């Protein structure tokens, strides 16, 4: 599961954060892949300087498959087996590629007014969604759960309508009237059962059920000013939702339905006023009362910078919940998150993503796709995971969640084979043709 990287400062690098204990950054000279198995150690897994000025880097879980787009050729998507240094294929499109999303079933390429859906097993083009509303930022989200390969993208350029598309059946699922203004952020939870959204105003964040589109939660980030939401992400267990913007504050919301059985509040002035506002909601119009009864942030982070774009992730590292924040100047900040009481998160470590990283060649098994688990009952992560199948796949675990058995029919023979290091994957060249029409070399 990936987040789009912020634009690079002049002469700088673009930082992209992956939500599976793995990080990827695009730089003016190429790209880098890192693993993060502990708070103290940031290991560089791979570095490539073959393509300059990379602005999109997407890695398929812990596999060797990586998708790269550079400003040198912004209309071309390159798919690599980075362990072998081999180009698997490349596709050219009619306009600039704005974003790429992928899971174990689908690879989605988003242009300003069209979306291309590829079958990731053989890279064939399955569907082209044409004439989508102008989407200048390439905003879209794809569920990392291949069984629920839902795709969400703006259904309107003037309102906050979400178009929900089923990437498996290749049919429109529904439209969700999420906000009044245009959308700014979209994010699925790990199972693809929830979708979070924010508009360009950035004041209200809503969570909807998938595929039905019913509103489940509504959180208010703030009322004083409009902000640009740059990152919206669930924790792997879907208990928390994190939102960051161009301000210095990162908000973490807890997805729980408050009941009247909560402990009695102490007799303070704020508690008294809170009860008064709650009682008043019974007499106010639904729109007003709904705004007043929305939950505030469960936890927050006050960054030392403001105005600089950042990307956030919620992860479990060394058994504890952490908040990760990367900034466009190439720094990674790690905070502790108290899953019980929330409050202000504590900064515990800062890493530079642009310095010389320690190369790590033999710890790929540590980079498994994320496992949904409770923050209150996290367990030690195994250092190795037994293979669930000997059929060709993208990685030792086929990109599956731990403990999941993958049906063998999902590993149908195709030109992309990244698991078997003894079999050299054939290279497909797709130059100068329509997307999806590959010419074998």
Protein backbone atom coordinates (compact mmCIF):
# COMPACT_ATOMS: atom_id res chain seq x y z
CA UNK A 1 0.00 0.00 0.00
CA UNK A 2 1.58 3.31 -1.07
CA UNK A 3 1.12 7.02 -0.71
CA UNK A 4 1.88 9.54 -3.45
CA UNK A 5 5.08 11.43 -2.93
CA UNK A 6 5.26 15.19 -2.63
CA UNK A 7 6.83 17.28 -5.37
CA UNK A 8 10.56 17.68 -5.04
CA UNK A 9 12.16 20.97 -4.12
CA UNK A 10 14.65 22.32 -6.67
CA UNK A 11 17.57 19.94 -6.79
CA UNK A 12 15.94 17.79 -4.12
CA UNK A 13 14.17 14.45 -3.88
CA UNK A 14 10.66 13.14 -3.78
CA UNK A 15 9.82 10.98 -0.82
CA UNK A 16 7.23 8.24 -1.08
CA UNK A 17 6.16 6.18 1.91
CA UNK A 18 5.03 2.59 1.70
CA UNK A 19 2.86 1.13 4.44
CA UNK A 20 4.45 -2.28 4.81
CA UNK A 21 7.59 -1.54 6.83
CA UNK A 22 9.12 -0.44 3.56
CA UNK A 23 9.94 2.97 2.14
CA UNK A 24 10.68 4.19 -1.36
CA UNK A 25 12.06 7.54 -2.45
CA UNK A 26 12.40 9.01 -5.90
CA UNK A 27 15.38 11.30 -6.38
CA UNK A 28 16.88 13.46 -9.11
CA UNK A 29 19.32 10.62 -9.83
CA UNK A 30 17.04 7.58 -9.51
CA UNK A 31 15.28 5.86 -6.62
CA UNK A 32 15.97 4.03 -3.35
CA UNK A 33 14.18 1.29 -1.43
CA UNK A 34 14.47 0.93 2.35
CA UNK A 35 13.29 -1.48 5.00
CA UNK A 36 12.31 -0.44 8.48
CA UNK A 37 12.21 -3.42 10.83
CA UNK A 38 13.30 -1.45 13.91
CA UNK A 39 13.09 2.12 15.09
CA UNK A 40 16.86 2.54 15.24
CA UNK A 41 17.84 0.86 11.96
CA UNK A 42 16.95 2.07 8.48
CA UNK A 43 18.37 -0.36 5.89
CA UNK A 44 18.74 0.43 2.22
CA UNK A 45 17.55 -2.56 0.20
CA UNK A 46 18.21 -1.24 -3.28
CA UNK A 47 19.40 1.86 -5.11
CA UNK A 48 19.11 2.56 -8.83
CA UNK A 49 20.56 5.45 -10.80
CA UNK A 50 19.54 4.21 -14.24
CA UNK A 51 16.55 6.54 -14.61
CA UNK A 52 16.96 10.18 -13.50
CA UNK A 53 14.40 12.43 -11.86
CA UNK A 54 12.01 9.73 -10.64
CA UNK A 55 8.67 11.02 -9.31
CA UNK A 56 6.72 7.75 -8.96
CA UNK A 57 8.06 4.59 -7.30
CA UNK A 58 5.70 1.74 -6.47
CA UNK A 59 6.85 -1.61 -5.08
CA UNK A 60 4.56 -4.65 -4.91
CA UNK A 61 4.71 -5.59 -1.23
CA UNK A 62 8.00 -7.41 -0.51
CA UNK A 63 8.51 -8.59 -4.08
CA UNK A 64 11.15 -7.62 -6.61
CA UNK A 65 8.59 -5.88 -8.80
CA UNK A 66 8.92 -2.11 -8.85
CA UNK A 67 7.16 0.41 -11.10
CA UNK A 68 8.98 3.64 -11.92
CA UNK A 69 8.03 6.85 -13.76
CA UNK A 70 10.44 9.74 -14.34
CA UNK A 71 10.13 13.33 -15.47
CA UNK A 72 12.46 12.44 -18.34
CA UNK A 73 9.64 10.28 -19.81
CA UNK A 74 6.48 11.21 -17.88
CA UNK A 75 4.22 9.30 -20.28
CA UNK A 76 6.07 6.00 -19.85
CA UNK A 77 5.70 3.42 -17.08
CA UNK A 78 8.67 1.10 -16.53
CA UNK A 79 8.24 -2.18 -14.67
CA UNK A 80 11.42 -3.75 -13.28
CA UNK A 81 12.67 -6.85 -11.50
CA UNK A 82 15.08 -4.83 -9.41
CA UNK A 83 16.99 -7.81 -7.96
CA UNK A 84 18.01 -8.89 -11.46
CA UNK A 85 18.25 -5.39 -12.87
CA UNK A 86 15.82 -6.43 -15.59
CA UNK A 87 13.09 -4.45 -17.29
CA UNK A 88 9.97 -6.61 -17.43
CA UNK A 89 7.98 -4.24 -19.62
CA UNK A 90 7.21 -0.62 -20.32
CA UNK A 91 4.03 1.09 -21.46
CA UNK A 92 3.53 4.50 -23.05
CA UNK A 93 0.36 6.54 -22.57
CA UNK A 94 -1.23 9.52 -24.28
CA UNK A 95 -0.43 11.99 -21.49
CA UNK A 96 1.56 12.36 -18.29
CA UNK A 97 1.21 9.59 -15.71
CA UNK A 98 -0.03 11.18 -12.49
CA UNK A 99 -0.22 8.17 -10.18
CA UNK A 100 0.10 4.39 -10.11
CA UNK A 101 -1.54 1.92 -7.72
CA UNK A 102 -1.09 -1.83 -7.53
CA UNK A 103 -2.03 -4.91 -5.57
CA UNK A 104 -1.58 -8.62 -6.25
CA UNK A 105 -4.30 -8.59 -8.92
CA UNK A 106 -4.30 -5.19 -10.58
CA UNK A 107 -2.01 -2.38 -11.69
CA UNK A 108 -3.78 0.96 -12.15
CA UNK A 109 -2.37 3.90 -14.09
CA UNK A 110 -4.10 7.25 -13.61
CA UNK A 111 -3.89 10.07 -16.16
CA UNK A 112 -5.68 13.39 -15.95
CA UNK A 113 -8.77 12.25 -17.85
CA UNK A 114 -8.47 8.46 -18.06
CA UNK A 115 -7.57 5.40 -15.98
CA UNK A 116 -5.96 2.18 -17.24
CA UNK A 117 -6.39 -1.12 -15.39
CA UNK A 118 -3.86 -3.90 -16.08
CA UNK A 119 -3.80 -7.53 -15.03
CA UNK A 120 -0.64 -7.65 -12.95
CA UNK A 121 0.09 -11.32 -13.74
CA UNK A 122 0.76 -10.65 -17.43
CA UNK A 123 0.52 -6.83 -17.60
CA UNK A 124 -2.26 -7.02 -20.18
CA UNK A 125 -4.63 -4.07 -20.37
CA UNK A 126 -8.03 -5.14 -19.07
CA UNK A 127 -10.00 -1.91 -19.01
CA UNK A 128 -9.71 1.74 -19.92
CA UNK A 129 -11.97 4.16 -18.07
CA UNK A 130 -12.20 7.07 -20.49
CA UNK A 131 -13.40 10.64 -20.06
CA UNK A 132 -13.10 10.74 -16.29
CA UNK A 133 -13.62 14.19 -14.73
CA UNK A 134 -10.43 16.30 -14.88
CA UNK A 135 -8.14 14.94 -12.17
CA UNK A 136 -5.06 17.13 -12.26
CA UNK A 137 -3.44 15.54 -9.20
CA UNK A 138 -4.05 11.94 -10.23
CA UNK A 139 -6.10 11.31 -7.10
CA UNK A 140 -7.16 7.68 -6.80
CA UNK A 141 -7.01 4.83 -4.31
CA UNK A 142 -6.81 1.05 -4.81
CA UNK A 143 -7.48 -1.49 -2.09
CA UNK A 144 -4.39 -3.56 -1.28
CA UNK A 145 -6.67 -6.53 -0.59
CA UNK A 146 -6.71 -8.33 -3.93
CA UNK A 147 -10.03 -10.01 -3.06
CA UNK A 148 -11.59 -6.53 -2.86
CA UNK A 149 -9.77 -4.71 -5.64
CA UNK A 150 -11.91 -1.61 -5.38
CA UNK A 151 -10.75 1.54 -7.08
CA UNK A 152 -11.88 4.99 -5.96
CA UNK A 153 -11.42 8.23 -7.90
CA UNK A 154 -13.18 11.61 -8.22
CA UNK A 155 -16.55 11.35 -9.90
CA UNK A 156 -16.79 15.11 -10.39
CA UNK A 157 -14.40 18.02 -10.80
CA UNK A 158 -16.67 20.46 -8.97
CA UNK A 159 -18.16 18.39 -6.14
CA UNK A 160 -16.88 15.75 -3.73
CA UNK A 161 -18.46 12.77 -5.47
CA UNK A 162 -16.50 9.51 -5.31
CA UNK A 163 -16.68 6.99 -8.14
CA UNK A 164 -16.22 3.44 -6.80
CA UNK A 165 -15.13 0.84 -9.36
CA UNK A 166 -14.72 -2.92 -8.90
CA UNK A 167 -11.31 -3.80 -10.32
CA UNK A 168 -12.05 -7.53 -10.31
CA UNK A 169 -15.38 -7.53 -12.15
CA UNK A 170 -14.44 -4.38 -14.09
CA UNK A 171 -17.77 -2.75 -13.34
CA UNK A 172 -18.87 0.42 -11.60
CA UNK A 173 -19.90 -0.34 -8.02
CA UNK A 174 -21.51 2.92 -6.91
CA UNK A 175 -21.06 6.65 -6.51
CA UNK A 176 -20.72 8.25 -3.08
CA UNK A 177 -21.71 11.90 -2.46
CA UNK A 178 -18.93 12.40 0.07
CA UNK A 179 -18.36 16.18 0.21
CA UNK A 180 -19.69 19.44 -1.17
CA UNK A 181 -16.34 20.56 -2.58
CA UNK A 182 -13.81 18.74 -4.79
CA UNK A 183 -11.90 15.81 -3.31
CA UNK A 184 -8.34 16.12 -2.05
CA UNK A 185 -7.60 12.71 -0.48
CA UNK A 186 -8.82 9.11 -0.64
CA UNK A 187 -7.67 6.01 1.25
CA UNK A 188 -8.89 2.42 1.71
CA UNK A 189 -8.32 0.40 4.84
CA UNK A 190 -6.31 -2.82 4.59
CA UNK A 191 -9.28 -5.08 3.86
CA UNK A 192 -10.97 -2.77 1.38
CA UNK A 193 -14.10 -2.55 3.54
CA UNK A 194 -13.76 1.15 4.42
CA UNK A 195 -12.91 4.27 2.44
CA UNK A 196 -11.82 7.61 3.94
CA UNK A 197 -12.09 10.90 2.09
CA UNK A 198 -11.35 14.59 2.51
CA UNK A 199 -12.21 17.58 0.37
CA UNK A 200 -10.07 20.52 -0.68
CA UNK A 201 -11.32 22.46 2.34
CA UNK A 202 -9.69 19.86 4.57
CA UNK A 203 -11.93 20.51 7.55
CA UNK A 204 -14.02 17.32 7.57
CA UNK A 205 -12.89 13.73 7.03
CA UNK A 206 -15.49 11.05 6.37
CA UNK A 207 -15.32 7.25 6.37
CA UNK A 208 -17.69 5.12 4.27
CA UNK A 209 -18.48 1.42 4.13
CA UNK A 210 -17.48 -0.42 0.97
CA UNK A 211 -19.08 -1.37 -1.36
CA UNK A 212 -22.33 0.10 -0.04
CA UNK A 213 -21.08 3.65 0.48
CA UNK A 214 -22.86 4.28 3.80
CA UNK A 215 -21.27 6.95 6.00
CA UNK A 216 -19.76 5.37 9.11
CA UNK A 217 -17.70 8.15 10.71
CA UNK A 218 -17.21 11.87 10.40
CA UNK A 219 -14.23 13.64 11.94
CA UNK A 220 -13.51 17.35 12.12
CA UNK A 221 -9.88 18.22 11.58
CA UNK A 222 -10.41 21.89 12.38
CA UNK A 223 -12.68 24.86 11.84
CA UNK A 224 -10.35 27.86 11.86
CA UNK A 225 -8.76 27.51 8.44
CA UNK A 226 -8.82 25.51 5.25
CA UNK A 227 -5.85 23.23 4.68
CA UNK A 228 -4.49 20.96 1.96
CA UNK A 229 -4.73 17.33 3.12
CA UNK A 230 -1.63 15.62 1.72
CA UNK A 231 -1.91 12.24 3.42
CA UNK A 232 -4.81 10.12 4.62
CA UNK A 233 -4.13 6.58 5.86
CA UNK A 234 -5.64 3.87 8.07
CA UNK A 235 -3.73 1.76 10.56
CA UNK A 236 -3.53 -1.88 9.50
CA UNK A 237 -6.14 -2.94 12.05
CA UNK A 238 -8.47 -0.10 10.95
CA UNK A 239 -8.65 1.26 14.50
CA UNK A 240 -7.04 4.57 13.62
CA UNK A 241 -7.07 7.05 10.76
CA UNK A 242 -4.27 9.56 10.28
CA UNK A 243 -4.49 12.85 8.36
CA UNK A 244 -1.66 15.26 7.62
CA UNK A 245 -1.69 18.54 5.76
CA UNK A 246 0.40 21.59 4.95
CA UNK A 247 0.09 22.71 8.57
CA UNK A 248 2.35 21.68 11.44
CA UNK A 249 -0.26 19.40 13.04
CA UNK A 250 -0.91 15.73 12.23
CA UNK A 251 -4.25 14.37 13.45
CA UNK A 252 -4.98 10.76 14.40
CA UNK A 253 -8.63 9.76 14.82
CA UNK A 254 -9.92 6.64 16.53
CA UNK A 255 -12.63 4.71 14.72
CA UNK A 256 -15.04 3.88 17.52
CA UNK A 257 -18.66 4.64 18.21
CA UNK A 258 -18.98 6.52 21.48
CA UNK A 259 -21.80 5.37 23.74
CA UNK A 260 -23.56 6.77 26.77
CA UNK A 261 -21.82 4.19 28.96
CA UNK A 262 -18.63 6.24 29.15
CA UNK A 263 -17.29 7.07 32.62
CA UNK A 264 -18.70 10.19 34.23
CA UNK A 265 -16.62 13.24 33.39
CA UNK A 266 -15.04 15.14 36.27
CA UNK A 267 -16.93 18.27 37.33
CA UNK A 268 -14.84 20.73 35.32
CA UNK A 269 -15.92 23.78 33.35
CA UNK A 270 -15.02 22.11 30.03
CA UNK A 271 -16.92 18.99 31.04
CA UNK A 272 -19.95 21.06 32.00
CA UNK A 273 -19.89 22.94 28.69
CA UNK A 274 -19.49 19.68 26.80
CA UNK A 275 -22.67 18.36 28.39
CA UNK A 276 -24.47 21.57 27.57
CA UNK A 277 -23.46 21.33 23.89
CA UNK A 278 -24.47 17.68 23.80
CA UNK A 279 -27.88 18.48 25.22
CA UNK A 280 -28.27 21.33 22.72
CA UNK A 281 -27.85 18.98 19.77
CA UNK A 282 -31.30 17.55 20.49
CA UNK A 283 -32.86 20.89 19.56
CA UNK A 284 -30.67 21.97 16.64
CA UNK A 285 -31.11 21.18 12.93
CA UNK A 286 -29.48 17.92 11.87
CA UNK A 287 -26.73 19.65 9.86
CA UNK A 288 -25.67 21.85 12.78
CA UNK A 289 -25.99 19.20 15.46
CA UNK A 290 -24.01 16.73 13.37
CA UNK A 291 -21.11 19.17 13.17
CA UNK A 292 -21.12 19.77 16.91
CA UNK A 293 -21.22 16.09 17.83
CA UNK A 294 -18.29 15.06 15.63
CA UNK A 295 -15.31 13.46 17.34
CA UNK A 296 -12.07 15.35 17.75
CA UNK A 297 -8.61 13.95 17.16
CA UNK A 298 -7.62 11.06 19.43
CA UNK A 299 -3.92 11.88 19.11
CA UNK A 300 -1.84 14.62 17.51
CA UNK A 301 1.70 15.43 16.44
CA UNK A 302 3.14 18.91 16.34
CA UNK A 303 5.81 18.98 13.62
CA UNK A 304 8.76 21.33 13.75
CA UNK A 305 8.00 22.44 10.20
CA UNK A 306 5.02 24.06 8.52
CA UNK A 307 4.10 24.53 4.89
CA UNK A 308 6.21 21.57 3.75
CA UNK A 309 4.33 18.65 2.30
CA UNK A 310 4.54 15.39 4.21
CA UNK A 311 3.34 11.81 3.99
CA UNK A 312 2.29 9.75 7.02
CA UNK A 313 1.81 6.09 7.90
CA UNK A 314 0.65 4.13 10.93
CA UNK A 315 2.68 0.98 11.49
CA UNK A 316 3.58 -1.56 14.15
CA UNK A 317 7.35 -1.72 14.64
CA UNK A 318 8.93 -3.84 17.36
CA UNK A 319 5.49 -4.72 18.74
CA UNK A 320 4.51 -1.08 19.31
CA UNK A 321 2.30 1.31 17.31
CA UNK A 322 4.26 4.06 15.57
CA UNK A 323 3.47 7.07 13.48
CA UNK A 324 5.86 7.62 10.57
CA UNK A 325 6.16 11.03 8.92
CA UNK A 326 8.30 11.72 5.86
CA UNK A 327 8.87 15.24 4.64
CA UNK A 328 9.76 16.51 1.18
CA UNK A 329 13.25 17.46 2.36
CA UNK A 330 14.05 13.76 2.79
CA UNK A 331 13.62 13.10 6.52
CA UNK A 332 11.74 10.33 8.30
CA UNK A 333 10.34 11.04 11.77
CA UNK A 334 9.17 8.19 14.01
CA UNK A 335 6.73 8.84 16.85
CA UNK A 336 5.27 6.65 19.56
CA UNK A 337 1.47 6.44 19.62
CA UNK A 338 -0.36 5.62 22.83
CA UNK A 339 -3.24 3.38 21.65
CA UNK A 340 -5.12 3.70 24.93
CA UNK A 341 -4.97 7.37 25.91
CA UNK A 342 -3.80 9.08 22.71
CA UNK A 343 -2.69 12.64 23.29
CA UNK A 344 0.52 14.17 21.99
CA UNK A 345 2.74 11.63 20.22
CA UNK A 346 6.40 11.56 21.27
CA UNK A 347 9.22 11.85 18.73
CA UNK A 348 11.69 9.00 19.29
CA UNK A 349 13.85 8.87 16.14
CA UNK A 350 14.79 10.85 13.04
CA UNK A 351 16.36 9.32 9.92
CA UNK A 352 17.78 10.94 6.78
CA UNK A 353 16.56 9.24 3.61
CA UNK A 354 19.09 10.99 1.41
CA UNK A 355 22.26 9.98 3.26
CA UNK A 356 24.25 6.84 2.68
CA UNK A 357 22.06 3.95 3.76
CA UNK A 358 23.32 0.60 4.97
CA UNK A 359 22.76 -1.93 2.20
CA UNK A 360 20.70 -4.94 3.21
CA UNK A 361 20.79 -7.92 0.87
CA UNK A 362 19.58 -10.84 2.95
CA UNK A 363 16.59 -9.56 4.89
CA UNK A 364 13.91 -9.50 2.22
CA UNK A 365 11.80 -11.92 4.26
CA UNK A 366 11.43 -9.18 6.85
CA UNK A 367 9.55 -7.10 4.29
CA UNK A 368 6.29 -9.00 4.31
CA UNK A 369 2.98 -7.35 3.42
CA UNK A 370 1.36 -5.81 6.49
CA UNK A 371 -0.74 -7.90 8.85
CA UNK A 372 -3.88 -6.45 10.42
CA UNK A 373 -3.52 -6.77 14.16
CA UNK A 374 -4.74 -5.07 17.28
CA UNK A 375 -2.53 -2.39 18.74
CA UNK A 376 -3.47 -3.60 22.19
CA UNK A 377 -2.34 -7.14 21.43
CA UNK A 378 0.56 -6.89 19.00
CA UNK A 379 2.71 -9.96 18.61
CA UNK A 380 6.32 -10.54 17.69
CA UNK A 381 6.91 -10.66 13.97
CA UNK A 382 8.59 -13.79 12.62
CA UNK A 383 11.85 -13.27 10.82
CA UNK A 384 10.97 -15.80 8.12
CA UNK A 385 7.70 -16.96 6.66
CA UNK A 386 7.28 -20.40 5.05
CA UNK A 387 6.23 -20.40 1.44
CA UNK A 388 2.53 -21.08 0.96
CA UNK A 389 3.01 -22.33 -2.58
CA UNK A 390 5.76 -23.37 -4.95
CA UNK A 391 3.93 -21.93 -7.92
CA UNK A 392 5.45 -18.86 -9.60
CA UNK A 393 4.53 -15.61 -7.87
CA UNK A 394 5.89 -12.19 -7.09
CA UNK A 395 7.57 -13.05 -3.83
CA UNK A 396 8.18 -15.89 -1.43
CA UNK A 397 4.70 -15.42 0.01
CA UNK A 398 3.08 -14.43 -3.26
CA UNK A 399 2.26 -11.04 -1.80
CA UNK A 400 -0.25 -12.61 0.58
CA UNK A 401 -1.08 -11.59 4.08
CA UNK A 402 0.60 -13.83 6.59
CA UNK A 403 -1.29 -17.07 7.15
CA UNK A 404 -3.31 -16.70 3.95
CA UNK A 405 -3.35 -19.67 1.60
CA UNK A 406 -3.25 -18.60 -2.03
CA UNK A 407 -5.19 -20.75 -4.52
CA UNK A 408 -2.89 -22.21 -7.15
CA UNK A 409 -5.08 -20.98 -9.99
CA UNK A 410 -4.08 -17.44 -9.06
CA UNK A 411 -0.53 -18.29 -10.09
CA UNK A 412 -1.39 -18.98 -13.70
CA UNK A 413 1.65 -19.03 -15.95
CA UNK A 414 2.36 -15.63 -17.41
CA UNK A 415 5.27 -13.53 -18.68
CA UNK A 416 5.83 -11.97 -15.26
CA UNK A 417 7.52 -14.42 -12.90
CA UNK A 418 9.45 -12.89 -10.06
CA UNK A 419 9.54 -15.65 -7.48
CA UNK A 420 11.67 -18.24 -9.21
CA UNK A 421 15.16 -16.77 -9.35
CA UNK A 422 16.29 -19.58 -11.68
CA UNK A 423 13.88 -18.58 -14.41
CA UNK A 424 14.73 -15.34 -16.19
CA UNK A 425 11.53 -13.39 -16.82
CA UNK A 426 11.01 -12.58 -20.51
CA UNK A 427 11.23 -8.92 -21.35
CA UNK A 428 8.23 -7.29 -23.02
CA UNK A 429 8.79 -4.12 -24.96
CA UNK A 430 5.78 -1.89 -25.46
CA UNK A 431 7.23 1.05 -27.28
CA UNK A 432 5.27 3.32 -29.55
CA UNK A 433 2.05 1.33 -29.36
CA UNK A 434 -1.24 1.56 -27.57
CA UNK A 435 -1.18 0.74 -23.86
CA UNK A 436 -1.77 -2.95 -23.32
CA UNK A 437 -0.54 -4.04 -26.74
CA UNK A 438 2.77 -5.66 -25.99
CA UNK A 439 5.36 -6.78 -28.48
CA UNK A 440 7.55 -9.65 -27.34
CA UNK A 441 11.24 -9.23 -27.77
